[in-house]
Structures are given as C-alpha cells and as structure tokens.
Amino acid sequence: MIESRCSGRTDMHTCEKRLGELVLRTENREALVAFYREVIGLELFANFDGGTFLKIADDFDGHPQLLAIFDQTWEFSGPQEIEVGMARARTGTLHHFAFAMELEVFEQEKARLEALEIEIMLTDHRQFGWHSIYLYDPDGNSVELVCYDEAILDAAANQRVRESVEG
C-alpha cells in the first residue's frame, strides 16, 4: 500500500490537499489563453472545442495544477445531476475549482463526505483518467475533489484532446 500524506492522522480534514484546477468561463477564450500563456507563462496542456487547459505546475501523478479556460457558451461537462443553471450563470467568470489528491485520499474523502451526509455528485473524466466528486460551498460555488486513476484512463480520448499540444 502506498503511504498516504494522511498517515498517522485521525481527522481527514487535515489531510494535505492542493489546488488541482481553476476553471474560468469567458466570452473571448483566445484573448484569455494568450494572456495566461504569453504574460503569465503557463504551458499548454490540452485543447479542445470550447476549452483550453494550461499547466501551472506538476503536482500529483496524473493531475498537474491547471488553469482551464472555457468559452462562455461551452456546455457544462460535469455530472448530470449538477445544477446546470448555476454552472452556466453569466454573473461571473468562475466555473468551478478543484482540489487534487492521491487516489487513496480521494476514496477516504468520499467516504468522509458521505458519512457527513454532504450532497455530492460523482463523475469520471476518462479522457484524463480522473475521478471527481462535485459539491457546492455555502455560497453556491461548485467545488471539485479530483484524483488520477490510470485504470480509467481512455488513452484514445486523451490523445484526441491533447493532439494539438503535441503537434
């Protein structure tokens, strides 16, 4: 068994978590991507119709720290149960943010949230090999907990979303 960063701790809320991704929605994706690449210096990670992922830093295996920029018109790609109206709101540019963690910590967090009877929504993003838990904070912001699981990675889908990066 891989040693968890929570080893020896009895309360899961003190386990190490780091920001996995921040997602912004915009009317002008090209301009925002150009700014974050050229001014801030972020590296292109993946690109597809309606969305661009920029790498902030390497982090947990399989899930670097990312800034994602989506067209304002992009359909929400989270779990079907999420309140789509909130995800599509044009009152701000923040779509959701995610905390990345290791697979064993993710499973522990899922069990802990379920034990607390927190309403969660689960989905897999197979094109990246990610399991995700979505929930809302008290202000209604969509928060994601995400981990990498090589067992669910769809390599063909991953290649499709990343081909513009390699070419």
N, C-alpha and C. Protein backbone atom coordinates (compact mmCIF):
# COMPACT_ATOMS: atom_id res chain seq x y z
N MET A 1 0.83 -1.18 0.00
CA MET A 1 0.00 0.00 0.00
C MET A 1 0.88 1.25 0.00
N ILE A 2 0.51 2.21 -0.80
CA ILE A 2 1.24 3.48 -0.86
C ILE A 2 0.94 4.26 0.41
N GLU A 3 1.97 4.83 1.01
CA GLU A 3 1.75 5.62 2.21
C GLU A 3 1.06 6.93 1.84
N SER A 4 0.01 7.21 2.52
CA SER A 4 -0.78 8.42 2.28
C SER A 4 -0.16 9.60 3.02
N ARG A 5 -0.40 10.81 2.50
CA ARG A 5 0.05 12.02 3.20
C ARG A 5 -0.77 12.24 4.47
N CYS A 6 -1.78 11.39 4.70
CA CYS A 6 -2.61 11.49 5.89
C CYS A 6 -2.21 10.45 6.93
N SER A 7 -1.19 9.65 6.64
CA SER A 7 -0.80 8.59 7.57
C SER A 7 -0.58 9.11 8.97
N GLY A 8 -1.15 8.41 9.92
CA GLY A 8 -0.99 8.78 11.32
C GLY A 8 -1.95 9.84 11.79
N ARG A 9 -2.73 10.44 10.90
CA ARG A 9 -3.69 11.47 11.29
C ARG A 9 -5.05 10.83 11.49
N THR A 10 -5.76 11.31 12.46
CA THR A 10 -7.08 10.74 12.74
C THR A 10 -8.21 11.55 12.14
N ASP A 11 -8.00 12.82 11.86
CA ASP A 11 -9.08 13.61 11.27
C ASP A 11 -8.72 13.95 9.83
N MET A 12 -9.58 13.55 8.88
CA MET A 12 -9.31 13.68 7.46
C MET A 12 -9.26 15.13 6.98
N HIS A 13 -9.92 16.05 7.69
CA HIS A 13 -9.93 17.43 7.19
C HIS A 13 -8.54 18.07 7.26
N THR A 14 -7.59 17.44 7.94
CA THR A 14 -6.24 17.99 7.99
C THR A 14 -5.33 17.36 6.93
N CYS A 15 -5.86 16.40 6.14
CA CYS A 15 -5.05 15.80 5.09
C CYS A 15 -4.67 16.84 4.05
N GLU A 16 -3.50 16.68 3.49
CA GLU A 16 -2.99 17.63 2.52
C GLU A 16 -3.83 17.61 1.25
N LYS A 17 -4.24 18.78 0.81
CA LYS A 17 -4.93 18.99 -0.45
C LYS A 17 -4.26 20.17 -1.13
N ARG A 18 -4.25 20.13 -2.44
CA ARG A 18 -3.69 21.24 -3.19
C ARG A 18 -4.66 21.59 -4.31
N LEU A 19 -4.59 22.80 -4.80
CA LEU A 19 -5.46 23.22 -5.88
C LEU A 19 -5.13 22.41 -7.12
N GLY A 20 -6.13 21.77 -7.68
CA GLY A 20 -5.95 20.96 -8.88
C GLY A 20 -6.19 21.76 -10.14
N GLU A 21 -7.28 22.50 -10.17
CA GLU A 21 -7.56 23.33 -11.34
C GLU A 21 -8.49 24.46 -10.97
N LEU A 22 -8.39 25.50 -11.73
CA LEU A 22 -9.29 26.64 -11.64
C LEU A 22 -9.85 26.81 -13.04
N VAL A 23 -11.17 26.91 -13.16
CA VAL A 23 -11.83 26.99 -14.46
C VAL A 23 -12.51 28.34 -14.61
N LEU A 24 -12.18 29.05 -15.66
CA LEU A 24 -12.79 30.34 -15.96
C LEU A 24 -13.59 30.22 -17.25
N ARG A 25 -14.75 30.87 -17.28
CA ARG A 25 -15.56 30.95 -18.49
C ARG A 25 -15.44 32.38 -19.01
N THR A 26 -15.38 32.50 -20.33
CA THR A 26 -15.13 33.81 -20.91
C THR A 26 -15.81 33.95 -22.26
N GLU A 27 -16.07 35.19 -22.65
CA GLU A 27 -16.60 35.50 -23.98
C GLU A 27 -15.47 35.50 -25.02
N ASN A 28 -14.20 35.61 -24.57
CA ASN A 28 -13.08 35.69 -25.50
C ASN A 28 -11.96 34.76 -25.06
N ARG A 29 -12.14 33.47 -25.33
CA ARG A 29 -11.18 32.47 -24.88
C ARG A 29 -9.80 32.71 -25.46
N GLU A 30 -9.72 33.06 -26.74
CA GLU A 30 -8.41 33.25 -27.37
C GLU A 30 -7.58 34.32 -26.66
N ALA A 31 -8.21 35.43 -26.31
CA ALA A 31 -7.50 36.51 -25.62
C ALA A 31 -7.06 36.08 -24.22
N LEU A 32 -7.92 35.36 -23.51
CA LEU A 32 -7.58 34.92 -22.16
C LEU A 32 -6.45 33.89 -22.19
N VAL A 33 -6.53 32.95 -23.14
CA VAL A 33 -5.47 31.94 -23.29
C VAL A 33 -4.15 32.63 -23.63
N ALA A 34 -4.20 33.56 -24.56
CA ALA A 34 -2.98 34.28 -24.94
C ALA A 34 -2.37 35.01 -23.75
N PHE A 35 -3.19 35.65 -22.94
CA PHE A 35 -2.68 36.35 -21.76
C PHE A 35 -1.99 35.39 -20.81
N TYR A 36 -2.65 34.29 -20.46
CA TYR A 36 -2.07 33.36 -19.50
C TYR A 36 -0.85 32.62 -20.05
N ARG A 37 -0.78 32.44 -21.35
CA ARG A 37 0.41 31.80 -21.94
C ARG A 37 1.54 32.81 -22.10
N GLU A 38 1.24 33.96 -22.67
CA GLU A 38 2.29 34.91 -23.03
C GLU A 38 2.70 35.83 -21.88
N VAL A 39 1.77 36.25 -21.06
CA VAL A 39 2.09 37.17 -19.97
C VAL A 39 2.45 36.42 -18.70
N ILE A 40 1.63 35.43 -18.36
CA ILE A 40 1.87 34.68 -17.12
C ILE A 40 2.87 33.54 -17.34
N GLY A 41 2.91 33.00 -18.56
CA GLY A 41 3.90 31.97 -18.88
C GLY A 41 3.44 30.54 -18.63
N LEU A 42 2.13 30.28 -18.68
CA LEU A 42 1.64 28.92 -18.47
C LEU A 42 1.80 28.10 -19.74
N GLU A 43 1.97 26.79 -19.56
CA GLU A 43 2.20 25.85 -20.66
C GLU A 43 0.88 25.23 -21.11
N LEU A 44 0.70 25.08 -22.43
CA LEU A 44 -0.48 24.42 -22.97
C LEU A 44 -0.47 22.95 -22.56
N PHE A 45 -1.57 22.48 -21.97
CA PHE A 45 -1.69 21.08 -21.53
C PHE A 45 -2.66 20.31 -22.43
N ALA A 46 -3.82 20.88 -22.73
CA ALA A 46 -4.80 20.23 -23.60
C ALA A 46 -5.68 21.30 -24.21
N ASN A 47 -6.21 20.99 -25.40
CA ASN A 47 -7.04 21.95 -26.11
C ASN A 47 -8.13 21.18 -26.84
N PHE A 48 -9.36 21.66 -26.79
CA PHE A 48 -10.47 21.03 -27.50
C PHE A 48 -11.52 22.09 -27.79
N ASP A 49 -12.51 21.74 -28.58
CA ASP A 49 -13.58 22.68 -28.91
C ASP A 49 -14.17 23.26 -27.64
N GLY A 50 -14.03 24.53 -27.45
CA GLY A 50 -14.65 25.20 -26.31
C GLY A 50 -13.80 25.28 -25.06
N GLY A 51 -12.66 24.61 -25.00
CA GLY A 51 -11.87 24.63 -23.77
C GLY A 51 -10.38 24.47 -23.98
N THR A 52 -9.62 25.10 -23.10
CA THR A 52 -8.16 25.00 -23.12
C THR A 52 -7.68 24.80 -21.69
N PHE A 53 -6.78 23.83 -21.48
CA PHE A 53 -6.17 23.59 -20.17
C PHE A 53 -4.73 24.06 -20.23
N LEU A 54 -4.34 24.90 -19.28
CA LEU A 54 -2.98 25.41 -19.17
C LEU A 54 -2.35 24.86 -17.89
N LYS A 55 -1.13 24.34 -17.99
CA LYS A 55 -0.46 23.77 -16.83
C LYS A 55 0.20 24.85 -16.01
N ILE A 56 -0.13 24.85 -14.71
CA ILE A 56 0.50 25.77 -13.76
C ILE A 56 1.78 25.14 -13.23
N ALA A 57 1.67 23.88 -12.77
CA ALA A 57 2.82 23.17 -12.21
C ALA A 57 2.52 21.68 -12.15
N ASP A 58 3.56 20.88 -12.11
CA ASP A 58 3.39 19.45 -11.86
C ASP A 58 2.98 19.29 -10.41
N ASP A 59 2.17 18.27 -10.15
CA ASP A 59 1.70 18.03 -8.79
C ASP A 59 1.51 16.54 -8.61
N PHE A 60 0.33 16.11 -8.17
CA PHE A 60 0.08 14.69 -8.02
C PHE A 60 0.26 13.99 -9.37
N ASP A 61 0.70 12.74 -9.35
CA ASP A 61 0.87 11.95 -10.56
C ASP A 61 -0.44 11.94 -11.35
N GLY A 62 -0.38 12.36 -12.61
CA GLY A 62 -1.54 12.31 -13.48
C GLY A 62 -2.42 13.53 -13.46
N HIS A 63 -2.25 14.43 -12.50
CA HIS A 63 -3.09 15.64 -12.46
C HIS A 63 -2.25 16.84 -12.05
N PRO A 64 -1.67 17.54 -13.05
CA PRO A 64 -0.92 18.76 -12.73
C PRO A 64 -1.87 19.85 -12.26
N GLN A 65 -1.33 20.91 -11.72
CA GLN A 65 -2.14 22.09 -11.38
C GLN A 65 -2.48 22.80 -12.68
N LEU A 66 -3.77 23.09 -12.89
CA LEU A 66 -4.23 23.60 -14.18
C LEU A 66 -5.10 24.85 -14.03
N LEU A 67 -5.02 25.70 -15.03
CA LEU A 67 -5.99 26.75 -15.24
C LEU A 67 -6.72 26.37 -16.52
N ALA A 68 -8.03 26.19 -16.45
CA ALA A 68 -8.82 25.85 -17.63
C ALA A 68 -9.65 27.06 -18.02
N ILE A 69 -9.72 27.30 -19.30
CA ILE A 69 -10.47 28.43 -19.82
C ILE A 69 -11.48 27.89 -20.83
N PHE A 70 -12.77 28.13 -20.54
CA PHE A 70 -13.85 27.64 -21.39
C PHE A 70 -14.59 28.81 -22.02
N ASP A 71 -15.05 28.58 -23.25
CA ASP A 71 -15.95 29.56 -23.87
C ASP A 71 -17.18 29.68 -23.00
N GLN A 72 -17.74 30.86 -22.93
CA GLN A 72 -18.96 31.09 -22.14
C GLN A 72 -20.10 30.20 -22.63
N THR A 73 -20.09 29.83 -23.90
CA THR A 73 -21.15 29.02 -24.48
C THR A 73 -20.92 27.52 -24.30
N TRP A 74 -19.76 27.11 -23.77
CA TRP A 74 -19.45 25.69 -23.62
C TRP A 74 -20.44 25.03 -22.67
N GLU A 75 -20.99 23.90 -23.08
CA GLU A 75 -21.91 23.15 -22.24
C GLU A 75 -21.15 22.57 -21.06
N PHE A 76 -21.71 22.62 -19.89
CA PHE A 76 -21.07 22.11 -18.69
C PHE A 76 -20.80 20.62 -18.84
N SER A 77 -19.61 20.17 -18.48
CA SER A 77 -19.23 18.78 -18.70
C SER A 77 -19.12 17.97 -17.40
N GLY A 78 -19.67 18.48 -16.33
CA GLY A 78 -19.64 17.75 -15.06
C GLY A 78 -20.74 16.71 -15.00
N PRO A 79 -21.03 16.21 -13.82
CA PRO A 79 -22.06 15.18 -13.68
C PRO A 79 -23.44 15.71 -14.05
N GLN A 80 -24.29 14.82 -14.52
CA GLN A 80 -25.62 15.20 -14.98
C GLN A 80 -26.47 15.84 -13.89
N GLU A 81 -26.21 15.49 -12.61
CA GLU A 81 -27.04 15.98 -11.51
C GLU A 81 -26.73 17.41 -11.09
N ILE A 82 -25.62 17.97 -11.57
CA ILE A 82 -25.24 19.30 -11.12
C ILE A 82 -26.27 20.32 -11.62
N GLU A 83 -26.45 21.37 -10.88
CA GLU A 83 -27.40 22.41 -11.26
C GLU A 83 -26.81 23.20 -12.43
N VAL A 84 -27.20 22.80 -13.63
CA VAL A 84 -26.63 23.36 -14.84
C VAL A 84 -26.82 24.87 -14.91
N GLY A 85 -27.96 25.37 -14.44
CA GLY A 85 -28.20 26.81 -14.46
C GLY A 85 -27.15 27.57 -13.69
N MET A 86 -26.73 27.02 -12.56
CA MET A 86 -25.67 27.67 -11.77
C MET A 86 -24.34 27.59 -12.49
N ALA A 87 -24.08 26.46 -13.13
CA ALA A 87 -22.82 26.28 -13.85
C ALA A 87 -22.72 27.21 -15.04
N ARG A 88 -23.87 27.56 -15.64
CA ARG A 88 -23.90 28.41 -16.83
C ARG A 88 -24.09 29.88 -16.49
N ALA A 89 -24.23 30.22 -15.24
CA ALA A 89 -24.52 31.60 -14.84
C ALA A 89 -23.51 32.55 -15.46
N ARG A 90 -23.99 33.66 -15.93
CA ARG A 90 -23.11 34.65 -16.55
C ARG A 90 -22.82 35.79 -15.60
N THR A 91 -23.00 35.55 -14.31
CA THR A 91 -22.78 36.61 -13.34
C THR A 91 -21.31 36.75 -12.98
N GLY A 92 -20.50 35.81 -13.34
CA GLY A 92 -19.07 35.86 -13.07
C GLY A 92 -18.36 34.92 -14.03
N THR A 93 -17.06 34.87 -13.94
CA THR A 93 -16.31 34.02 -14.87
C THR A 93 -15.89 32.70 -14.24
N LEU A 94 -16.06 32.55 -12.92
CA LEU A 94 -15.63 31.32 -12.27
C LEU A 94 -16.63 30.21 -12.53
N HIS A 95 -16.15 29.10 -13.07
CA HIS A 95 -16.98 27.94 -13.38
C HIS A 95 -16.97 26.97 -12.20
N HIS A 96 -15.81 26.51 -11.79
CA HIS A 96 -15.62 25.71 -10.58
C HIS A 96 -14.13 25.68 -10.28
N PHE A 97 -13.77 25.20 -9.09
CA PHE A 97 -12.36 24.98 -8.81
C PHE A 97 -12.21 23.61 -8.18
N ALA A 98 -10.99 23.04 -8.29
CA ALA A 98 -10.79 21.66 -7.88
C ALA A 98 -9.57 21.52 -6.99
N PHE A 99 -9.66 20.59 -6.06
CA PHE A 99 -8.54 20.20 -5.23
C PHE A 99 -8.12 18.79 -5.65
N ALA A 100 -6.86 18.64 -6.04
CA ALA A 100 -6.34 17.35 -6.49
C ALA A 100 -5.74 16.61 -5.31
N MET A 101 -5.89 15.30 -5.34
CA MET A 101 -5.36 14.47 -4.27
C MET A 101 -5.03 13.09 -4.82
N GLU A 102 -4.35 12.31 -4.02
CA GLU A 102 -4.00 10.95 -4.40
C GLU A 102 -5.23 10.07 -4.31
N LEU A 103 -5.24 8.97 -5.07
CA LEU A 103 -6.40 8.09 -5.17
C LEU A 103 -6.87 7.59 -3.81
N GLU A 104 -5.96 7.13 -2.96
CA GLU A 104 -6.41 6.60 -1.66
C GLU A 104 -6.99 7.70 -0.77
N VAL A 105 -6.49 8.91 -0.88
CA VAL A 105 -7.04 10.03 -0.13
C VAL A 105 -8.42 10.39 -0.68
N PHE A 106 -8.57 10.34 -2.01
CA PHE A 106 -9.85 10.62 -2.66
C PHE A 106 -10.92 9.67 -2.12
N GLU A 107 -10.61 8.39 -2.06
CA GLU A 107 -11.58 7.40 -1.56
C GLU A 107 -11.93 7.68 -0.10
N GLN A 108 -10.95 8.07 0.70
CA GLN A 108 -11.20 8.41 2.10
C GLN A 108 -12.08 9.66 2.21
N GLU A 109 -11.81 10.65 1.37
CA GLU A 109 -12.60 11.88 1.37
C GLU A 109 -14.05 11.59 0.96
N LYS A 110 -14.22 10.75 -0.05
CA LYS A 110 -15.56 10.39 -0.50
C LYS A 110 -16.34 9.75 0.66
N ALA A 111 -15.72 8.80 1.34
CA ALA A 111 -16.37 8.13 2.47
C ALA A 111 -16.68 9.12 3.59
N ARG A 112 -15.75 10.03 3.85
CA ARG A 112 -15.96 11.02 4.91
C ARG A 112 -17.13 11.94 4.58
N LEU A 113 -17.19 12.42 3.34
CA LEU A 113 -18.28 13.31 2.93
C LEU A 113 -19.63 12.58 2.98
N GLU A 114 -19.63 11.32 2.56
CA GLU A 114 -20.87 10.53 2.63
C GLU A 114 -21.30 10.33 4.08
N ALA A 115 -20.34 10.08 4.97
CA ALA A 115 -20.67 9.89 6.39
C ALA A 115 -21.23 11.18 7.00
N LEU A 116 -20.79 12.33 6.48
CA LEU A 116 -21.31 13.62 6.95
C LEU A 116 -22.64 13.97 6.29
N GLU A 117 -23.10 13.11 5.40
CA GLU A 117 -24.34 13.31 4.65
C GLU A 117 -24.31 14.59 3.82
N ILE A 118 -23.11 14.90 3.29
CA ILE A 118 -22.95 16.03 2.38
C ILE A 118 -23.42 15.56 1.00
N GLU A 119 -24.24 16.37 0.34
CA GLU A 119 -24.69 16.01 -1.01
C GLU A 119 -23.52 16.13 -1.97
N ILE A 120 -23.17 15.02 -2.61
CA ILE A 120 -22.06 15.00 -3.57
C ILE A 120 -22.56 14.41 -4.88
N MET A 121 -21.84 14.75 -5.94
CA MET A 121 -22.10 14.21 -7.26
C MET A 121 -20.78 13.63 -7.76
N LEU A 122 -20.84 12.42 -8.31
CA LEU A 122 -19.64 11.73 -8.76
C LEU A 122 -19.63 11.63 -10.28
N THR A 123 -18.47 11.77 -10.87
CA THR A 123 -18.32 11.54 -12.30
C THR A 123 -16.87 11.19 -12.59
N ASP A 124 -16.64 10.56 -13.73
CA ASP A 124 -15.30 10.26 -14.20
C ASP A 124 -15.04 11.02 -15.48
N HIS A 125 -13.83 11.53 -15.62
CA HIS A 125 -13.39 12.20 -16.83
C HIS A 125 -12.33 11.28 -17.45
N ARG A 126 -12.80 10.29 -18.18
CA ARG A 126 -11.93 9.21 -18.68
C ARG A 126 -10.86 9.72 -19.65
N GLN A 127 -11.10 10.83 -20.34
CA GLN A 127 -10.10 11.35 -21.27
C GLN A 127 -8.84 11.80 -20.53
N PHE A 128 -8.95 11.99 -19.22
CA PHE A 128 -7.79 12.35 -18.42
C PHE A 128 -7.48 11.31 -17.35
N GLY A 129 -8.36 10.33 -17.14
CA GLY A 129 -8.16 9.33 -16.09
C GLY A 129 -8.46 9.87 -14.71
N TRP A 130 -9.45 10.75 -14.60
CA TRP A 130 -9.76 11.41 -13.33
C TRP A 130 -11.11 10.97 -12.79
N HIS A 131 -11.16 10.68 -11.49
CA HIS A 131 -12.41 10.53 -10.74
C HIS A 131 -12.68 11.88 -10.09
N SER A 132 -13.95 12.30 -10.08
CA SER A 132 -14.29 13.59 -9.50
C SER A 132 -15.49 13.49 -8.57
N ILE A 133 -15.40 14.24 -7.49
CA ILE A 133 -16.52 14.48 -6.58
C ILE A 133 -16.83 15.96 -6.72
N TYR A 134 -18.10 16.29 -6.96
CA TYR A 134 -18.53 17.69 -7.02
C TYR A 134 -19.47 17.97 -5.85
N LEU A 135 -19.33 19.15 -5.28
CA LEU A 135 -20.23 19.62 -4.25
C LEU A 135 -20.24 21.14 -4.30
N TYR A 136 -21.16 21.75 -3.56
CA TYR A 136 -21.27 23.20 -3.52
C TYR A 136 -20.81 23.73 -2.17
N ASP A 137 -20.19 24.90 -2.19
CA ASP A 137 -19.88 25.56 -0.93
C ASP A 137 -21.11 26.37 -0.49
N PRO A 138 -21.08 26.97 0.68
CA PRO A 138 -22.26 27.71 1.15
C PRO A 138 -22.71 28.86 0.25
N ASP A 139 -21.81 29.38 -0.57
CA ASP A 139 -22.17 30.46 -1.50
C ASP A 139 -22.67 29.94 -2.84
N GLY A 140 -22.68 28.61 -3.02
CA GLY A 140 -23.13 28.03 -4.27
C GLY A 140 -22.05 27.80 -5.30
N ASN A 141 -20.77 28.03 -4.92
CA ASN A 141 -19.68 27.74 -5.85
C ASN A 141 -19.51 26.24 -5.99
N SER A 142 -19.30 25.79 -7.20
CA SER A 142 -19.06 24.38 -7.47
C SER A 142 -17.60 24.05 -7.14
N VAL A 143 -17.40 23.08 -6.26
CA VAL A 143 -16.07 22.66 -5.83
C VAL A 143 -15.89 21.20 -6.25
N GLU A 144 -14.73 20.88 -6.76
CA GLU A 144 -14.42 19.53 -7.21
C GLU A 144 -13.25 18.98 -6.41
N LEU A 145 -13.34 17.72 -6.02
CA LEU A 145 -12.21 16.96 -5.49
C LEU A 145 -11.88 15.94 -6.57
N VAL A 146 -10.63 15.86 -6.96
CA VAL A 146 -10.27 15.06 -8.14
C VAL A 146 -9.00 14.26 -7.88
N CYS A 147 -8.94 13.05 -8.46
CA CYS A 147 -7.72 12.25 -8.38
C CYS A 147 -7.50 11.53 -9.71
N TYR A 148 -6.28 11.12 -9.92
CA TYR A 148 -5.91 10.36 -11.12
C TYR A 148 -6.00 8.87 -10.82
N ASP A 149 -6.57 8.13 -11.76
CA ASP A 149 -6.66 6.67 -11.66
C ASP A 149 -6.38 6.11 -13.04
N GLU A 150 -5.16 5.61 -13.23
CA GLU A 150 -4.74 5.10 -14.53
C GLU A 150 -5.70 4.03 -15.06
N ALA A 151 -6.38 3.31 -14.16
CA ALA A 151 -7.28 2.23 -14.56
C ALA A 151 -8.47 2.73 -15.38
N ILE A 152 -8.84 4.01 -15.27
CA ILE A 152 -9.99 4.51 -16.02
C ILE A 152 -9.58 5.39 -17.20
N LEU A 153 -8.29 5.57 -17.42
CA LEU A 153 -7.81 6.43 -18.49
C LEU A 153 -8.20 5.86 -19.85
N ASP A 154 -8.86 6.66 -20.68
CA ASP A 154 -9.17 6.32 -22.07
C ASP A 154 -8.07 6.95 -22.91
N ALA A 155 -7.08 6.14 -23.29
CA ALA A 155 -5.90 6.67 -23.98
C ALA A 155 -6.24 7.32 -25.31
N ALA A 156 -7.19 6.76 -26.06
CA ALA A 156 -7.57 7.34 -27.35
C ALA A 156 -8.20 8.72 -27.15
N ALA A 157 -9.08 8.85 -26.18
CA ALA A 157 -9.71 10.15 -25.90
C ALA A 157 -8.67 11.14 -25.40
N ASN A 158 -7.73 10.68 -24.59
CA ASN A 158 -6.66 11.55 -24.09
C ASN A 158 -5.84 12.08 -25.26
N GLN A 159 -5.52 11.22 -26.20
CA GLN A 159 -4.74 11.64 -27.36
C GLN A 159 -5.49 12.69 -28.17
N ARG A 160 -6.80 12.51 -28.34
CA ARG A 160 -7.60 13.47 -29.10
C ARG A 160 -7.57 14.86 -28.47
N VAL A 161 -7.74 14.95 -27.15
CA VAL A 161 -7.77 16.28 -26.52
C VAL A 161 -6.39 16.89 -26.38
N ARG A 162 -5.37 16.04 -26.49
CA ARG A 162 -4.01 16.56 -26.32
C ARG A 162 -3.25 16.68 -27.64
N GLU A 163 -3.83 16.25 -28.76
CA GLU A 163 -3.09 16.23 -30.02
C GLU A 163 -2.66 17.61 -30.47
N SER A 164 -3.41 18.64 -30.20
CA SER A 164 -3.00 19.97 -30.60
C SER A 164 -1.80 20.46 -29.80
N VAL A 165 -1.56 19.87 -28.63
CA VAL A 165 -0.41 20.25 -27.82
C VAL A 165 0.86 19.66 -28.41
N GLU A 166 0.76 18.44 -28.92
CA GLU A 166 1.94 17.71 -29.43
C GLU A 166 2.30 18.13 -30.84
N GLY A 167 1.36 18.68 -31.58
CA GLY A 167 1.59 18.98 -32.99
C GLY A 167 1.88 20.35 -33.26
